């Protein structure tokens, strides 16, 4: 199993929406033997919060490159809606 060492303070929060730290990413990467950024995202939930990786994508991509993970373009692509929308708006309620 390949050990992946955090490349900064272990308590550094990489994904603020999901509260995923650098240490958690390193542990998940090693424990599940992830081979790509997509796999890291799936096992850690990093990049899956309300912003859909609009904030943390650059940090996650840099970590993936540094750890030698496959990181193809578009692995953390932004998904609609472009901005967060509350359920009342989607259900046809008042816009806020």
C-alpha atoms as a PDB file:
ATOM      1  CA  UNK A   1       0.000   0.000   0.000  1.00  0.00           C
ATOM      2  CA  UNK A   2       1.335   3.438  -0.913  1.00  0.00           C
ATOM      3  CA  UNK A   3       1.411   5.870   1.987  1.00  0.00           C
ATOM      4  CA  UNK A   4       0.460   9.390   1.059  1.00  0.00           C
ATOM      5  CA  UNK A   5       1.849  11.979   3.422  1.00  0.00           C
ATOM      6  CA  UNK A   6      -0.022  15.234   3.901  1.00  0.00           C
ATOM      7  CA  UNK A   7       1.879  18.080   2.259  1.00  0.00           C
ATOM      8  CA  UNK A   8       0.956  20.685   4.848  1.00  0.00           C
ATOM      9  CA  UNK A   9      -0.556  20.979   8.312  1.00  0.00           C
ATOM     10  CA  UNK A  10      -2.714  17.888   8.810  1.00  0.00           C
ATOM     11  CA  UNK A  11      -5.611  19.966  10.129  1.00  0.00           C
ATOM     12  CA  UNK A  12      -5.799  22.081   6.972  1.00  0.00           C
ATOM     13  CA  UNK A  13      -9.384  21.992   5.705  1.00  0.00           C
ATOM     14  CA  UNK A  14      -9.275  21.332   1.974  1.00  0.00           C
ATOM     15  CA  UNK A  15     -13.039  21.116   1.347  1.00  0.00           C
ATOM     16  CA  UNK A  16     -14.891  23.601   3.539  1.00  0.00           C
ATOM     17  CA  UNK A  17     -18.382  22.492   2.530  1.00  0.00           C
ATOM     18  CA  UNK A  18     -17.812  18.897   3.620  1.00  0.00           C
ATOM     19  CA  UNK A  19     -15.191  19.685   6.282  1.00  0.00           C
ATOM     20  CA  UNK A  20     -12.586  17.343   4.762  1.00  0.00           C
ATOM     21  CA  UNK A  21      -9.058  17.852   6.080  1.00  0.00           C
ATOM     22  CA  UNK A  22      -5.738  17.154   4.425  1.00  0.00           C
ATOM     23  CA  UNK A  23      -5.129  14.318   6.889  1.00  0.00           C
ATOM     24  CA  UNK A  24      -8.495  12.702   6.042  1.00  0.00           C
ATOM     25  CA  UNK A  25      -7.674  12.881   2.327  1.00  0.00           C
ATOM     26  CA  UNK A  26      -4.260  11.281   2.871  1.00  0.00           C
ATOM     27  CA  UNK A  27      -5.756   8.521   5.025  1.00  0.00           C
ATOM     28  CA  UNK A  28      -8.591   7.815   2.571  1.00  0.00           C
ATOM     29  CA  UNK A  29      -6.164   7.796  -0.343  1.00  0.00           C
ATOM     30  CA  UNK A  30      -3.946   5.224   1.363  1.00  0.00           C
ATOM     31  CA  UNK A  31      -6.696   3.121   2.944  1.00  0.00           C
ATOM     32  CA  UNK A  32      -8.719   2.697  -0.250  1.00  0.00           C
ATOM     33  CA  UNK A  33      -5.728   2.680  -2.608  1.00  0.00           C
ATOM     34  CA  UNK A  34      -7.268   5.307  -4.822  1.00  0.00           C
ATOM     35  CA  UNK A  35      -5.745   5.745  -8.250  1.00  0.00           C
ATOM     36  CA  UNK A  36      -7.542   8.873  -9.443  1.00  0.00           C
ATOM     37  CA  UNK A  37      -8.921  12.177  -8.248  1.00  0.00           C
ATOM     38  CA  UNK A  38     -12.441  10.915  -8.950  1.00  0.00           C
ATOM     39  CA  UNK A  39     -11.921   7.938  -6.642  1.00  0.00           C
ATOM     40  CA  UNK A  40     -10.539  10.228  -3.929  1.00  0.00           C
ATOM     41  CA  UNK A  41     -13.613  12.416  -4.260  1.00  0.00           C
ATOM     42  CA  UNK A  42     -15.941   9.431  -3.953  1.00  0.00           C
ATOM     43  CA  UNK A  43     -14.314   7.955  -0.834  1.00  0.00           C
ATOM     44  CA  UNK A  44     -13.823  11.274   0.976  1.00  0.00           C
ATOM     45  CA  UNK A  45     -16.783  13.421  -0.204  1.00  0.00           C
ATOM     46  CA  UNK A  46     -14.332  16.256  -0.913  1.00  0.00           C
ATOM     47  CA  UNK A  47     -15.801  18.414  -3.668  1.00  0.00           C
ATOM     48  CA  UNK A  48     -19.334  17.118  -3.134  1.00  0.00           C
ATOM     49  CA  UNK A  49     -20.663  19.905  -0.912  1.00  0.00           C
ATOM     50  CA  UNK A  50     -22.935  22.811  -1.718  1.00  0.00           C
ATOM     51  CA  UNK A  51     -20.340  24.577  -3.897  1.00  0.00           C
ATOM     52  CA  UNK A  52     -19.749  21.409  -5.971  1.00  0.00           C
ATOM     53  CA  UNK A  53     -15.931  21.901  -5.882  1.00  0.00           C
ATOM     54  CA  UNK A  54     -16.006  25.473  -7.142  1.00  0.00           C
ATOM     55  CA  UNK A  55     -13.855  26.431  -4.117  1.00  0.00           C
ATOM     56  CA  UNK A  56     -11.714  23.356  -3.423  1.00  0.00           C
ATOM     57  CA  UNK A  57     -11.074  22.020  -6.959  1.00  0.00           C
ATOM     58  CA  UNK A  58      -7.686  23.758  -7.388  1.00  0.00           C
ATOM     59  CA  UNK A  59      -6.414  22.370  -4.064  1.00  0.00           C
ATOM     60  CA  UNK A  60      -7.731  18.871  -4.788  1.00  0.00           C
ATOM     61  CA  UNK A  61      -6.199  18.866  -8.264  1.00  0.00           C
ATOM     62  CA  UNK A  62      -2.830  20.030  -6.887  1.00  0.00           C
ATOM     63  CA  UNK A  63      -2.896  17.289  -4.235  1.00  0.00           C
ATOM     64  CA  UNK A  64      -3.762  14.678  -6.844  1.00  0.00           C
ATOM     65  CA  UNK A  65      -0.849  15.771  -9.031  1.00  0.00           C
ATOM     66  CA  UNK A  66       1.508  15.784  -6.033  1.00  0.00           C
ATOM     67  CA  UNK A  67       0.410  12.290  -4.981  1.00  0.00           C
ATOM     68  CA  UNK A  68       0.664  10.936  -8.529  1.00  0.00           C
ATOM     69  CA  UNK A  69      -3.070  10.305  -8.916  1.00  0.00           C
ATOM     70  CA  UNK A  70      -4.679  10.361 -12.335  1.00  0.00           C
ATOM     71  CA  UNK A  71      -6.440  13.708 -12.649  1.00  0.00           C
ATOM     72  CA  UNK A  72      -8.029  14.177 -16.036  1.00  0.00           C
ATOM     73  CA  UNK A  73      -9.638  17.451 -16.967  1.00  0.00           C
ATOM     74  CA  UNK A  74     -13.238  17.679 -15.906  1.00  0.00           C
ATOM     75  CA  UNK A  75     -13.001  15.245 -12.977  1.00  0.00           C
ATOM     76  CA  UNK A  76     -14.295  17.968 -10.673  1.00  0.00           C
ATOM     77  CA  UNK A  77     -16.423  19.812 -13.182  1.00  0.00           C
ATOM     78  CA  UNK A  78     -19.084  22.155 -11.884  1.00  0.00           C
ATOM     79  CA  UNK A  79     -22.572  20.780 -12.087  1.00  0.00           C
ATOM     80  CA  UNK A  80     -25.808  22.746 -12.494  1.00  0.00           C
ATOM     81  CA  UNK A  81     -27.203  24.787 -10.955  1.00  0.00           C
ATOM     82  CA  UNK A  82     -24.441  27.310 -11.459  1.00  0.00           C
ATOM     83  CA  UNK A  83     -25.283  28.787  -8.088  1.00  0.00           C
ATOM     84  CA  UNK A  84     -27.057  27.139  -5.139  1.00  0.00           C
ATOM     85  CA  UNK A  85     -30.857  27.325  -5.343  1.00  0.00           C
ATOM     86  CA  UNK A  86     -33.222  26.542  -2.500  1.00  0.00           C
ATOM     87  CA  UNK A  87     -35.901  23.885  -2.917  1.00  0.00           C
ATOM     88  CA  UNK A  88     -38.783  26.393  -2.684  1.00  0.00           C
ATOM     89  CA  UNK A  89     -37.509  28.099  -5.828  1.00  0.00           C
ATOM     90  CA  UNK A  90     -37.206  24.806  -7.658  1.00  0.00           C
ATOM     91  CA  UNK A  91     -40.728  23.842  -6.539  1.00  0.00           C
ATOM     92  CA  UNK A  92     -42.150  27.008  -8.088  1.00  0.00           C
ATOM     93  CA  UNK A  93     -42.227  29.176  -4.979  1.00  0.00           C
ATOM     94  CA  UNK A  94     -41.071  32.751  -4.658  1.00  0.00           C
ATOM     95  CA  UNK A  95     -37.544  33.592  -5.767  1.00  0.00           C
ATOM     96  CA  UNK A  96     -35.316  34.772  -2.966  1.00  0.00           C
END
